[in-house]
Amino acid sequence: MPNFAITRGYIACLFFALTCSSAVAQQYPTKPVRLIVPFAAGGSFDRVGRIVALQLTELLHQQVVVDNRPGGGTIIATEIVAKSNPDGYTLLLASNALAANPALHEKLPYNGRDLSTVALIAYQPMGLAAHPNFPPNSVKDLINLARSKPDQLSYGTAGIGSGGWLAGELFKAAASIQLLHVGYKGGNLAMLDLMANRIPLVVTGLPNLLPQIKAGKLKVLAITDKKRSQVAPDIPTIAETVSGYEYTNWFGIVVPAATPRKITHLLNSQFNKAIETPGIRQQLLASGYEVLGGSEEEFSRVLKSDTAKFAKLIREASLRTY
């Protein structure tokens, strides 16, 4: 026979937990919110984080503080959020690496069940850039040079598992060339070495590159999106030379999985309001980002789909962490 005393006790505890969860959601937020960015300050991810955090501060009436935690191909930052209190005060600005890392690493300090999606923010094409003195001026020229000098040309990115690394490694596989990878803690750091002529190539977010293109400090051979960018229509796509190639990097907010649904719903609503604010939307578009938005469930479907897609691409391209 069932123990009704235990059952009543369980129901009472469950009711108390749900009541507390509701109360927390109604009070939220009562203190500053931390937005963890998995790359170094100054890069394209950091830029999106700071643009959106500033607007979200106004909407939530609490400061949203950007906390840069680079390294480990976003694993360090993701672990911090996965293991933090599920109270809505620790958020992660996630990237495609969240979908790719399960296929790149045999073991992670977290798993997909530790995190919950909140909202997609935007996406960016990556740019394949070179020092102005680098002889190739096109993807075709680069491929020809790389084939004549296998493993002699290097390219910098924000590290293994980053969007730049994935885009670069998939480009190598699609073009049948060999390039040496040099990992940094942020795409902007790789770009500084490129402009100092210490490395010949970088693959990083197009928004990261646009100011330096205008200043004449580097040249972009191509972008990784399947279509040309509205803000830089003169830059060709890699797909114009390497048929079928495409890669874009999305930005999305995730939280610990046990975060109360009322809080994730509130955050989803406020992030969507933030990126649809005319000034913020225009700022993102003018910087080379494409604005996304949408529901928690839509982001969850994108994450699930990309996890399967990257697993296939990584397997077929024989990508690995070193």
C-alpha atoms as a PDB file:
ATOM      1  CA  MET A   1       0.000   0.000   0.000  1.00  0.00           C
ATOM      2  CA  PRO A   2       1.270   3.527  -0.694  1.00  0.00           C
ATOM      3  CA  ASN A   3       2.474   5.555   2.259  1.00  0.00           C
ATOM      4  CA  PHE A   4       0.053   8.494   2.168  1.00  0.00           C
ATOM      5  CA  ALA A   5       1.979  10.375   4.858  1.00  0.00           C
ATOM      6  CA  ILE A   6       5.088  10.331   2.653  1.00  0.00           C
ATOM      7  CA  THR A   7       3.002  11.221  -0.410  1.00  0.00           C
ATOM      8  CA  ARG A   8       1.380  14.188   1.378  1.00  0.00           C
ATOM      9  CA  GLY A   9       4.804  15.277   2.562  1.00  0.00           C
ATOM     10  CA  TYR A  10       6.195  15.074  -0.965  1.00  0.00           C
ATOM     11  CA  ILE A  11       3.270  17.085  -2.351  1.00  0.00           C
ATOM     12  CA  ALA A  12       3.735  19.697   0.351  1.00  0.00           C
ATOM     13  CA  CYS A  13       7.448  19.992  -0.444  1.00  0.00           C
ATOM     14  CA  LEU A  14       6.716  20.220  -4.177  1.00  0.00           C
ATOM     15  CA  PHE A  15       4.099  22.928  -3.571  1.00  0.00           C
ATOM     16  CA  PHE A  16       6.567  24.842  -1.395  1.00  0.00           C
ATOM     17  CA  ALA A  17       9.292  24.590  -4.054  1.00  0.00           C
ATOM     18  CA  LEU A  18       6.938  25.788  -6.804  1.00  0.00           C
ATOM     19  CA  THR A  19       5.689  28.627  -4.607  1.00  0.00           C
ATOM     20  CA  CYS A  20       9.259  29.708  -3.847  1.00  0.00           C
ATOM     21  CA  SER A  21      10.160  29.458  -7.542  1.00  0.00           C
ATOM     22  CA  SER A  22       7.211  31.675  -8.433  1.00  0.00           C
ATOM     23  CA  ALA A  23       8.132  34.166  -5.732  1.00  0.00           C
ATOM     24  CA  VAL A  24      11.735  34.299  -6.951  1.00  0.00           C
ATOM     25  CA  ALA A  25      10.571  34.869 -10.529  1.00  0.00           C
ATOM     26  CA  GLN A  26       8.262  37.691  -9.428  1.00  0.00           C
ATOM     27  CA  GLN A  27      11.074  39.429  -7.542  1.00  0.00           C
ATOM     28  CA  TYR A  28      13.723  38.831 -10.218  1.00  0.00           C
ATOM     29  CA  PRO A  29      16.035  40.599 -10.660  1.00  0.00           C
ATOM     30  CA  THR A  30      16.987  42.146  -7.337  1.00  0.00           C
ATOM     31  CA  LYS A  31      20.737  42.382  -7.977  1.00  0.00           C
ATOM     32  CA  PRO A  32      23.162  42.695 -10.925  1.00  0.00           C
ATOM     33  CA  VAL A  33      23.099  39.965 -13.575  1.00  0.00           C
ATOM     34  CA  ARG A  34      26.358  38.487 -14.894  1.00  0.00           C
ATOM     35  CA  LEU A  35      26.656  37.803 -18.633  1.00  0.00           C
ATOM     36  CA  ILE A  36      29.636  35.531 -19.252  1.00  0.00           C
ATOM     37  CA  VAL A  37      31.348  35.940 -22.630  1.00  0.00           C
ATOM     38  CA  PRO A  38      33.636  33.004 -23.570  1.00  0.00           C
ATOM     39  CA  PHE A  39      36.166  35.132 -25.469  1.00  0.00           C
ATOM     40  CA  ALA A  40      38.545  37.971 -24.661  1.00  0.00           C
ATOM     41  CA  ALA A  41      37.431  41.593 -24.490  1.00  0.00           C
ATOM     42  CA  GLY A  42      37.426  43.556 -27.720  1.00  0.00           C
ATOM     43  CA  GLY A  43      36.302  40.800 -30.076  1.00  0.00           C
ATOM     44  CA  SER A  44      33.030  40.359 -31.945  1.00  0.00           C
ATOM     45  CA  PHE A  45      31.419  38.238 -29.212  1.00  0.00           C
ATOM     46  CA  ASP A  46      32.412  40.746 -26.573  1.00  0.00           C
ATOM     47  CA  ARG A  47      30.994  43.537 -28.719  1.00  0.00           C
ATOM     48  CA  VAL A  48      27.587  41.847 -29.026  1.00  0.00           C
ATOM     49  CA  GLY A  49      27.577  41.067 -25.311  1.00  0.00           C
ATOM     50  CA  ARG A  50      28.239  44.681 -24.359  1.00  0.00           C
ATOM     51  CA  ILE A  51      25.749  46.164 -26.845  1.00  0.00           C
ATOM     52  CA  VAL A  52      22.952  43.910 -25.606  1.00  0.00           C
ATOM     53  CA  ALA A  53      23.947  44.089 -21.916  1.00  0.00           C
ATOM     54  CA  LEU A  54      23.678  47.883 -21.967  1.00  0.00           C
ATOM     55  CA  GLN A  55      20.124  47.768 -23.316  1.00  0.00           C
ATOM     56  CA  LEU A  56      19.132  44.898 -21.018  1.00  0.00           C
ATOM     57  CA  THR A  57      20.319  46.937 -18.026  1.00  0.00           C
ATOM     58  CA  GLU A  58      17.669  49.531 -18.888  1.00  0.00           C
ATOM     59  CA  LEU A  59      14.951  46.922 -19.419  1.00  0.00           C
ATOM     60  CA  LEU A  60      15.637  44.923 -16.238  1.00  0.00           C
ATOM     61  CA  HIS A  61      16.422  47.985 -14.077  1.00  0.00           C
ATOM     62  CA  GLN A  62      19.481  46.096 -12.838  1.00  0.00           C
ATOM     63  CA  GLN A  63      23.038  46.248 -14.126  1.00  0.00           C
ATOM     64  CA  VAL A  64      24.001  43.479 -16.548  1.00  0.00           C
ATOM     65  CA  VAL A  65      27.762  42.992 -16.157  1.00  0.00           C
ATOM     66  CA  VAL A  66      29.856  41.421 -18.934  1.00  0.00           C
ATOM     67  CA  ASP A  67      32.376  38.924 -17.562  1.00  0.00           C
ATOM     68  CA  ASN A  68      34.986  37.716 -20.089  1.00  0.00           C
ATOM     69  CA  ARG A  69      36.131  34.138 -19.468  1.00  0.00           C
ATOM     70  CA  PRO A  70      38.175  33.114 -22.523  1.00  0.00           C
ATOM     71  CA  GLY A  71      39.938  29.826 -23.145  1.00  0.00           C
ATOM     72  CA  GLY A  72      39.257  26.173 -23.723  1.00  0.00           C
ATOM     73  CA  GLY A  73      37.241  26.717 -26.890  1.00  0.00           C
ATOM     74  CA  THR A  74      34.419  28.206 -24.746  1.00  0.00           C
ATOM     75  CA  ILE A  75      34.454  25.206 -22.371  1.00  0.00           C
ATOM     76  CA  ILE A  76      35.736  27.235 -19.397  1.00  0.00           C
ATOM     77  CA  ALA A  77      32.911  29.771 -19.612  1.00  0.00           C
ATOM     78  CA  THR A  78      30.280  27.141 -20.360  1.00  0.00           C
ATOM     79  CA  GLU A  79      31.269  25.073 -17.321  1.00  0.00           C
ATOM     80  CA  ILE A  80      31.011  28.137 -15.070  1.00  0.00           C
ATOM     81  CA  VAL A  81      27.430  28.733 -16.182  1.00  0.00           C
ATOM     82  CA  ALA A  82      26.429  25.053 -16.188  1.00  0.00           C
ATOM     83  CA  LYS A  83      27.543  24.719 -12.562  1.00  0.00           C
ATOM     84  CA  SER A  84      26.267  28.077 -11.299  1.00  0.00           C
ATOM     85  CA  ASN A  85      23.134  28.638  -9.225  1.00  0.00           C
ATOM     86  CA  PRO A  86      20.030  28.331 -11.447  1.00  0.00           C
ATOM     87  CA  ASP A  87      18.633  31.669 -10.339  1.00  0.00           C
ATOM     88  CA  GLY A  88      18.889  33.772 -13.499  1.00  0.00           C
ATOM     89  CA  TYR A  89      21.885  35.777 -12.315  1.00  0.00           C
ATOM     90  CA  THR A  90      24.518  33.952 -14.393  1.00  0.00           C
ATOM     91  CA  LEU A  91      23.988  33.879 -18.161  1.00  0.00           C
ATOM     92  CA  LEU A  92      26.198  32.661 -21.009  1.00  0.00           C
ATOM     93  CA  LEU A  93      26.540  34.263 -24.418  1.00  0.00           C
ATOM     94  CA  ALA A  94      26.963  30.949 -26.209  1.00  0.00           C
ATOM     95  CA  SER A  95      28.268  30.294 -29.700  1.00  0.00           C
ATOM     96  CA  ASN A  96      28.206  27.468 -32.238  1.00  0.00           C
ATOM     97  CA  ALA A  97      30.904  25.875 -30.109  1.00  0.00           C
ATOM     98  CA  LEU A  98      28.130  24.772 -27.760  1.00  0.00           C
ATOM     99  CA  ALA A  99      26.862  22.580 -30.614  1.00  0.00           C
ATOM    100  CA  ALA A 100      30.303  21.517 -31.877  1.00  0.00           C
ATOM    101  CA  ASN A 101      32.140  20.705 -28.642  1.00  0.00           C
ATOM    102  CA  PRO A 102      30.357  17.400 -27.914  1.00  0.00           C
ATOM    103  CA  ALA A 103      31.773  16.027 -31.185  1.00  0.00           C
ATOM    104  CA  LEU A 104      35.200  17.616 -30.706  1.00  0.00           C
ATOM    105  CA  HIS A 105      35.878  16.319 -27.187  1.00  0.00           C
ATOM    106  CA  GLU A 106      35.630  12.830 -25.766  1.00  0.00           C
ATOM    107  CA  LYS A 107      34.662  14.224 -22.382  1.00  0.00           C
ATOM    108  CA  LEU A 108      33.253  17.585 -21.291  1.00  0.00           C
ATOM    109  CA  PRO A 109      32.831  18.898 -17.705  1.00  0.00           C
ATOM    110  CA  TYR A 110      29.123  19.453 -18.469  1.00  0.00           C
ATOM    111  CA  ASN A 111      26.509  18.046 -20.828  1.00  0.00           C
ATOM    112  CA  GLY A 112      23.545  19.356 -22.763  1.00  0.00           C
ATOM    113  CA  ARG A 113      21.150  18.554 -19.920  1.00  0.00           C
ATOM    114  CA  ASP A 114      22.994  21.063 -17.691  1.00  0.00           C
ATOM    115  CA  LEU A 115      21.920  24.044 -19.800  1.00  0.00           C
ATOM    116  CA  SER A 116      18.703  25.610 -21.044  1.00  0.00           C
ATOM    117  CA  THR A 117      18.219  27.890 -24.049  1.00  0.00           C
ATOM    118  CA  VAL A 118      16.821  31.407 -23.618  1.00  0.00           C
ATOM    119  CA  ALA A 119      17.082  33.336 -26.890  1.00  0.00           C
ATOM    120  CA  LEU A 120      19.065  33.635 -30.090  1.00  0.00           C
ATOM    121  CA  ILE A 121      20.574  37.100 -30.438  1.00  0.00           C
ATOM    122  CA  ALA A 122      22.323  37.373 -33.797  1.00  0.00           C
ATOM    123  CA  TYR A 123      24.703  35.690 -36.183  1.00  0.00           C
ATOM    124  CA  GLN A 124      27.810  36.759 -38.040  1.00  0.00           C
ATOM    125  CA  PRO A 125      29.684  35.507 -41.073  1.00  0.00           C
ATOM    126  CA  MET A 126      33.359  34.854 -40.481  1.00  0.00           C
ATOM    127  CA  GLY A 127      35.956  36.669 -42.559  1.00  0.00           C
ATOM    128  CA  LEU A 128      39.099  35.141 -44.069  1.00  0.00           C
ATOM    129  CA  ALA A 129      41.555  38.027 -43.761  1.00  0.00           C
ATOM    130  CA  ALA A 130      45.195  38.577 -44.662  1.00  0.00           C
ATOM    131  CA  HIS A 131      47.965  41.085 -44.072  1.00  0.00           C
ATOM    132  CA  PRO A 132      47.968  43.728 -46.842  1.00  0.00           C
ATOM    133  CA  ASN A 133      51.390  42.472 -48.017  1.00  0.00           C
ATOM    134  CA  PHE A 134      50.239  38.861 -48.333  1.00  0.00           C
ATOM    135  CA  PRO A 135      50.491  38.058 -52.085  1.00  0.00           C
ATOM    136  CA  PRO A 136      47.139  36.274 -52.667  1.00  0.00           C
ATOM    137  CA  ASN A 137      44.226  38.637 -53.242  1.00  0.00           C
ATOM    138  CA  SER A 138      41.557  35.990 -53.713  1.00  0.00           C
ATOM    139  CA  VAL A 139      40.483  32.610 -52.367  1.00  0.00           C
ATOM    140  CA  LYS A 140      41.622  31.001 -55.636  1.00  0.00           C
ATOM    141  CA  ASP A 141      45.104  32.532 -55.269  1.00  0.00           C
ATOM    142  CA  LEU A 142      45.284  31.407 -51.644  1.00  0.00           C
ATOM    143  CA  ILE A 143      44.323  27.834 -52.529  1.00  0.00           C
ATOM    144  CA  ASN A 144      46.971  27.701 -55.258  1.00  0.00           C
ATOM    145  CA  LEU A 145      49.648  29.055 -52.897  1.00  0.00           C
ATOM    146  CA  ALA A 146      48.642  26.695 -50.083  1.00  0.00           C
ATOM    147  CA  ARG A 147      48.824  23.697 -52.409  1.00  0.00           C
ATOM    148  CA  SER A 148      52.334  24.704 -53.424  1.00  0.00           C
ATOM    149  CA  LYS A 149      53.356  25.162 -49.770  1.00  0.00           C
ATOM    150  CA  PRO A 150      51.474  22.557 -47.699  1.00  0.00           C
ATOM    151  CA  ASP A 151      51.550  23.261 -43.941  1.00  0.00           C
ATOM    152  CA  GLN A 152      53.684  26.382 -44.453  1.00  0.00           C
ATOM    153  CA  LEU A 153      50.919  28.989 -44.183  1.00  0.00           C
ATOM    154  CA  SER A 154      49.322  29.648 -40.788  1.00  0.00           C
ATOM    155  CA  TYR A 155      46.006  31.128 -39.815  1.00  0.00           C
ATOM    156  CA  GLY A 156      44.957  32.518 -36.444  1.00  0.00           C
ATOM    157  CA  THR A 157      41.609  32.149 -34.683  1.00  0.00           C
ATOM    158  CA  ALA A 158      40.036  32.544 -31.242  1.00  0.00           C
ATOM    159  CA  GLY A 159      41.153  28.987 -30.455  1.00  0.00           C
ATOM    160  CA  ILE A 160      40.212  25.365 -31.016  1.00  0.00           C
ATOM    161  CA  GLY A 161      36.445  24.964 -31.018  1.00  0.00           C
ATOM    162  CA  SER A 162      35.830  28.624 -31.884  1.00  0.00           C
ATOM    163  CA  GLY A 163      33.831  29.693 -34.925  1.00  0.00           C
ATOM    164  CA  GLY A 164      36.995  30.822 -36.692  1.00  0.00           C
ATOM    165  CA  TRP A 165      38.648  27.443 -36.143  1.00  0.00           C
ATOM    166  CA  LEU A 166      35.596  25.508 -37.321  1.00  0.00           C
ATOM    167  CA  ALA A 167      35.232  27.740 -40.380  1.00  0.00           C
ATOM    168  CA  GLY A 168      38.961  27.469 -41.143  1.00  0.00           C
ATOM    169  CA  GLU A 169      39.170  23.706 -40.722  1.00  0.00           C
ATOM    170  CA  LEU A 170      36.065  23.155 -42.843  1.00  0.00           C
ATOM    171  CA  PHE A 171      37.560  25.442 -45.502  1.00  0.00           C
ATOM    172  CA  LYS A 172      40.763  23.375 -45.479  1.00  0.00           C
ATOM    173  CA  ALA A 173      38.766  20.182 -45.962  1.00  0.00           C
ATOM    174  CA  ALA A 174      36.525  21.646 -48.684  1.00  0.00           C
ATOM    175  CA  ALA A 175      39.464  23.159 -50.608  1.00  0.00           C
ATOM    176  CA  SER A 176      41.801  20.168 -50.037  1.00  0.00           C
ATOM    177  CA  ILE A 177      44.606  22.323 -48.622  1.00  0.00           C
ATOM    178  CA  GLN A 178      46.788  22.271 -45.518  1.00  0.00           C
ATOM    179  CA  LEU A 179      47.128  25.318 -43.258  1.00  0.00           C
ATOM    180  CA  LEU A 180      48.672  25.519 -39.788  1.00  0.00           C
ATOM    181  CA  HIS A 181      46.303  26.636 -37.050  1.00  0.00           C
ATOM    182  CA  VAL A 182      47.401  29.150 -34.382  1.00  0.00           C
ATOM    183  CA  GLY A 183      44.946  29.542 -31.489  1.00  0.00           C
ATOM    184  CA  TYR A 184      44.439  32.698 -29.404  1.00  0.00           C
ATOM    185  CA  LYS A 185      42.070  33.620 -26.566  1.00  0.00           C
ATOM    186  CA  GLY A 186      40.107  35.913 -28.857  1.00  0.00           C
ATOM    187  CA  GLY A 187      39.793  36.759 -32.523  1.00  0.00           C
ATOM    188  CA  ASN A 188      40.934  40.316 -31.845  1.00  0.00           C
ATOM    189  CA  LEU A 189      44.234  38.988 -30.445  1.00  0.00           C
ATOM    190  CA  ALA A 190      44.783  36.948 -33.602  1.00  0.00           C
ATOM    191  CA  MET A 191      43.984  40.048 -35.629  1.00  0.00           C
ATOM    192  CA  LEU A 192      46.637  42.078 -33.764  1.00  0.00           C
ATOM    193  CA  ASP A 193      49.274  39.509 -34.724  1.00  0.00           C
ATOM    194  CA  LEU A 194      48.040  39.614 -38.314  1.00  0.00           C
ATOM    195  CA  MET A 195      48.363  43.402 -38.485  1.00  0.00           C
ATOM    196  CA  ALA A 196      51.871  43.089 -36.974  1.00  0.00           C
ATOM    197  CA  ASN A 197      52.655  40.648 -39.817  1.00  0.00           C
ATOM    198  CA  ARG A 198      53.443  37.796 -37.414  1.00  0.00           C
ATOM    199  CA  ILE A 199      50.874  35.531 -39.078  1.00  0.00           C
ATOM    200  CA  PRO A 200      49.603  35.773 -42.671  1.00  0.00           C
ATOM    201  CA  LEU A 201      45.924  34.883 -42.185  1.00  0.00           C
ATOM    202  CA  VAL A 202      43.086  34.996 -39.659  1.00  0.00           C
ATOM    203  CA  VAL A 203      39.546  33.686 -39.624  1.00  0.00           C
ATOM    204  CA  THR A 204      37.388  35.754 -37.299  1.00  0.00           C
ATOM    205  CA  GLY A 205      34.012  37.471 -37.223  1.00  0.00           C
ATOM    206  CA  LEU A 206      33.415  39.956 -40.034  1.00  0.00           C
ATOM    207  CA  PRO A 207      32.334  42.667 -37.520  1.00  0.00           C
ATOM    208  CA  ASN A 208      35.746  42.269 -35.910  1.00  0.00           C
ATOM    209  CA  LEU A 209      37.424  43.016 -39.244  1.00  0.00           C
ATOM    210  CA  LEU A 210      35.373  45.865 -40.693  1.00  0.00           C
ATOM    211  CA  PRO A 211      37.067  48.769 -38.818  1.00  0.00           C
ATOM    212  CA  GLN A 212      40.523  47.486 -39.804  1.00  0.00           C
ATOM    213  CA  ILE A 213      39.472  47.044 -43.442  1.00  0.00           C
ATOM    214  CA  LYS A 214      38.429  50.704 -43.540  1.00  0.00           C
ATOM    215  CA  ALA A 215      41.734  51.689 -41.941  1.00  0.00           C
ATOM    216  CA  GLY A 216      43.667  49.714 -44.581  1.00  0.00           C
ATOM    217  CA  LYS A 217      45.390  47.565 -41.956  1.00  0.00           C
ATOM    218  CA  LEU A 218      44.263  44.254 -43.474  1.00  0.00           C
ATOM    219  CA  LYS A 219      42.386  42.838 -46.431  1.00  0.00           C
ATOM    220  CA  VAL A 220      39.530  40.333 -46.440  1.00  0.00           C
ATOM    221  CA  LEU A 221      39.736  37.671 -49.126  1.00  0.00           C
ATOM    222  CA  ALA A 222      36.235  36.317 -48.530  1.00  0.00           C
ATOM    223  CA  ILE A 223      33.472  35.723 -46.004  1.00  0.00           C
ATOM    224  CA  THR A 224      32.045  32.351 -44.978  1.00  0.00           C
ATOM    225  CA  ASP A 225      28.317  33.042 -45.410  1.00  0.00           C
ATOM    226  CA  LYS A 226      26.553  31.669 -48.503  1.00  0.00           C
ATOM    227  CA  LYS A 227      25.573  35.218 -49.470  1.00  0.00           C
ATOM    228  CA  ARG A 228      27.472  38.499 -49.501  1.00  0.00           C
ATOM    229  CA  SER A 229      27.155  40.847 -46.547  1.00  0.00           C
ATOM    230  CA  GLN A 230      24.891  43.889 -46.834  1.00  0.00           C
ATOM    231  CA  VAL A 231      27.475  46.055 -45.085  1.00  0.00           C
ATOM    232  CA  ALA A 232      30.406  44.839 -47.202  1.00  0.00           C
ATOM    233  CA  PRO A 233      28.928  43.710 -50.547  1.00  0.00           C
ATOM    234  CA  ASP A 234      32.273  43.982 -52.360  1.00  0.00           C
ATOM    235  CA  ILE A 235      33.734  41.094 -50.357  1.00  0.00           C
ATOM    236  CA  PRO A 236      33.118  37.759 -52.128  1.00  0.00           C
ATOM    237  CA  THR A 237      32.078  34.558 -50.395  1.00  0.00           C
ATOM    238  CA  ILE A 238      34.261  31.453 -50.167  1.00  0.00           C
ATOM    239  CA  ALA A 239      31.373  29.596 -51.835  1.00  0.00           C
ATOM    240  CA  GLU A 240      31.962  31.602 -55.006  1.00  0.00           C
ATOM    241  CA  THR A 241      35.216  29.664 -55.352  1.00  0.00           C
ATOM    242  CA  VAL A 242      34.591  26.530 -53.268  1.00  0.00           C
ATOM    243  CA  SER A 243      31.115  25.324 -54.198  1.00  0.00           C
ATOM    244  CA  GLY A 244      28.804  24.450 -51.308  1.00  0.00           C
ATOM    245  CA  TYR A 245      30.962  25.979 -48.574  1.00  0.00           C
ATOM    246  CA  GLU A 246      29.043  27.833 -45.855  1.00  0.00           C
ATOM    247  CA  TYR A 247      29.617  28.713 -42.207  1.00  0.00           C
ATOM    248  CA  THR A 248      28.053  31.301 -39.907  1.00  0.00           C
ATOM    249  CA  ASN A 249      28.451  31.844 -36.181  1.00  0.00           C
ATOM    250  CA  TRP A 250      25.407  32.465 -33.993  1.00  0.00           C
ATOM    251  CA  PHE A 251      25.140  34.110 -30.581  1.00  0.00           C
ATOM    252  CA  GLY A 252      22.572  32.878 -28.069  1.00  0.00           C
ATOM    253  CA  ILE A 253      21.800  33.147 -24.365  1.00  0.00           C
ATOM    254  CA  VAL A 254      21.776  29.997 -22.220  1.00  0.00           C
ATOM    255  CA  VAL A 255      21.333  29.465 -18.474  1.00  0.00           C
ATOM    256  CA  PRO A 256      21.619  26.560 -16.006  1.00  0.00           C
ATOM    257  CA  ALA A 257      18.929  23.979 -16.802  1.00  0.00           C
ATOM    258  CA  ALA A 258      17.124  24.253 -13.451  1.00  0.00           C
ATOM    259  CA  THR A 259      16.485  27.991 -13.835  1.00  0.00           C
ATOM    260  CA  PRO A 260      12.755  28.633 -13.176  1.00  0.00           C
ATOM    261  CA  ARG A 261      10.730  28.842 -16.378  1.00  0.00           C
ATOM    262  CA  LYS A 262       9.206  32.170 -15.356  1.00  0.00           C
ATOM    263  CA  ILE A 263      12.703  33.641 -15.241  1.00  0.00           C
ATOM    264  CA  THR A 264      13.740  32.173 -18.613  1.00  0.00           C
ATOM    265  CA  HIS A 265      10.475  33.459 -20.135  1.00  0.00           C
ATOM    266  CA  LEU A 266      11.149  36.918 -18.718  1.00  0.00           C
ATOM    267  CA  LEU A 267      14.729  36.882 -20.010  1.00  0.00           C
ATOM    268  CA  ASN A 268      13.580  35.723 -23.436  1.00  0.00           C
ATOM    269  CA  SER A 269      11.084  38.576 -23.593  1.00  0.00           C
ATOM    270  CA  GLN A 270      13.628  41.170 -22.508  1.00  0.00           C
ATOM    271  CA  PHE A 271      16.397  39.982 -24.831  1.00  0.00           C
ATOM    272  CA  ASN A 272      13.965  40.070 -27.757  1.00  0.00           C
ATOM    273  CA  LYS A 273      12.941  43.599 -26.771  1.00  0.00           C
ATOM    274  CA  ALA A 274      16.601  44.602 -26.486  1.00  0.00           C
ATOM    275  CA  ILE A 275      17.606  43.480 -29.982  1.00  0.00           C
ATOM    276  CA  GLU A 276      14.433  44.909 -31.538  1.00  0.00           C
ATOM    277  CA  THR A 277      15.072  48.339 -30.024  1.00  0.00           C
ATOM    278  CA  PRO A 278      15.679  50.446 -33.178  1.00  0.00           C
ATOM    279  CA  GLY A 279      18.991  51.900 -32.038  1.00  0.00           C
ATOM    280  CA  ILE A 280      20.366  48.523 -30.916  1.00  0.00           C
ATOM    281  CA  ARG A 281      19.132  46.682 -34.017  1.00  0.00           C
ATOM    282  CA  GLN A 282      20.665  49.299 -36.316  1.00  0.00           C
ATOM    283  CA  GLN A 283      23.918  49.231 -34.373  1.00  0.00           C
ATOM    284  CA  LEU A 284      24.154  45.451 -34.782  1.00  0.00           C
ATOM    285  CA  LEU A 285      23.244  45.516 -38.475  1.00  0.00           C
ATOM    286  CA  ALA A 286      25.672  48.342 -39.251  1.00  0.00           C
ATOM    287  CA  SER A 287      28.459  46.415 -37.518  1.00  0.00           C
ATOM    288  CA  GLY A 288      27.941  43.355 -39.740  1.00  0.00           C
ATOM    289  CA  TYR A 289      25.694  41.192 -37.568  1.00  0.00           C
ATOM    290  CA  GLU A 290      22.357  39.703 -38.624  1.00  0.00           C
ATOM    291  CA  VAL A 291      19.710  40.028 -35.885  1.00  0.00           C
ATOM    292  CA  LEU A 292      17.802  36.860 -34.936  1.00  0.00           C
ATOM    293  CA  GLY A 293      15.615  36.641 -31.805  1.00  0.00           C
ATOM    294  CA  GLY A 294      12.748  34.184 -31.304  1.00  0.00           C
ATOM    295  CA  SER A 295      11.488  31.813 -28.638  1.00  0.00           C
ATOM    296  CA  GLU A 296      13.319  29.518 -26.247  1.00  0.00           C
ATOM    297  CA  GLU A 297      11.996  26.541 -28.187  1.00  0.00           C
ATOM    298  CA  GLU A 298      13.243  27.909 -31.524  1.00  0.00           C
ATOM    299  CA  PHE A 299      16.739  28.299 -30.097  1.00  0.00           C
ATOM    300  CA  SER A 300      16.540  24.779 -28.670  1.00  0.00           C
ATOM    301  CA  ARG A 301      15.687  23.390 -32.120  1.00  0.00           C
ATOM    302  CA  VAL A 302      18.597  25.287 -33.713  1.00  0.00           C
ATOM    303  CA  LEU A 303      20.983  23.957 -31.065  1.00  0.00           C
ATOM    304  CA  LYS A 304      19.765  20.375 -31.532  1.00  0.00           C
ATOM    305  CA  SER A 305      19.969  20.626 -35.319  1.00  0.00           C
ATOM    306  CA  ASP A 306      23.447  22.191 -35.279  1.00  0.00           C
ATOM    307  CA  THR A 307      24.737  19.594 -32.804  1.00  0.00           C
ATOM    308  CA  ALA A 308      23.796  16.856 -35.291  1.00  0.00           C
ATOM    309  CA  LYS A 309      25.102  18.873 -38.257  1.00  0.00           C
ATOM    310  CA  PHE A 310      28.469  19.596 -36.657  1.00  0.00           C
ATOM    311  CA  ALA A 311      28.886  15.996 -35.524  1.00  0.00           C
ATOM    312  CA  LYS A 312      28.555  14.940 -39.163  1.00  0.00           C
ATOM    313  CA  LEU A 313      30.834  17.685 -40.514  1.00  0.00           C
ATOM    314  CA  ILE A 314      33.481  17.090 -37.867  1.00  0.00           C
ATOM    315  CA  ARG A 315      33.457  13.358 -38.519  1.00  0.00           C
ATOM    316  CA  GLU A 316      33.626  13.735 -42.314  1.00  0.00           C
ATOM    317  CA  ALA A 317      36.367  16.393 -42.155  1.00  0.00           C
ATOM    318  CA  SER A 318      38.299  14.373 -39.527  1.00  0.00           C
ATOM    319  CA  LEU A 319      38.542  17.409 -37.254  1.00  0.00           C
ATOM    320  CA  ARG A 320      40.045  16.893 -33.849  1.00  0.00           C
ATOM    321  CA  THR A 321      41.329  18.747 -30.818  1.00  0.00           C
ATOM    322  CA  TYR A 322      45.078  18.511 -30.542  1.00  0.00           C
END
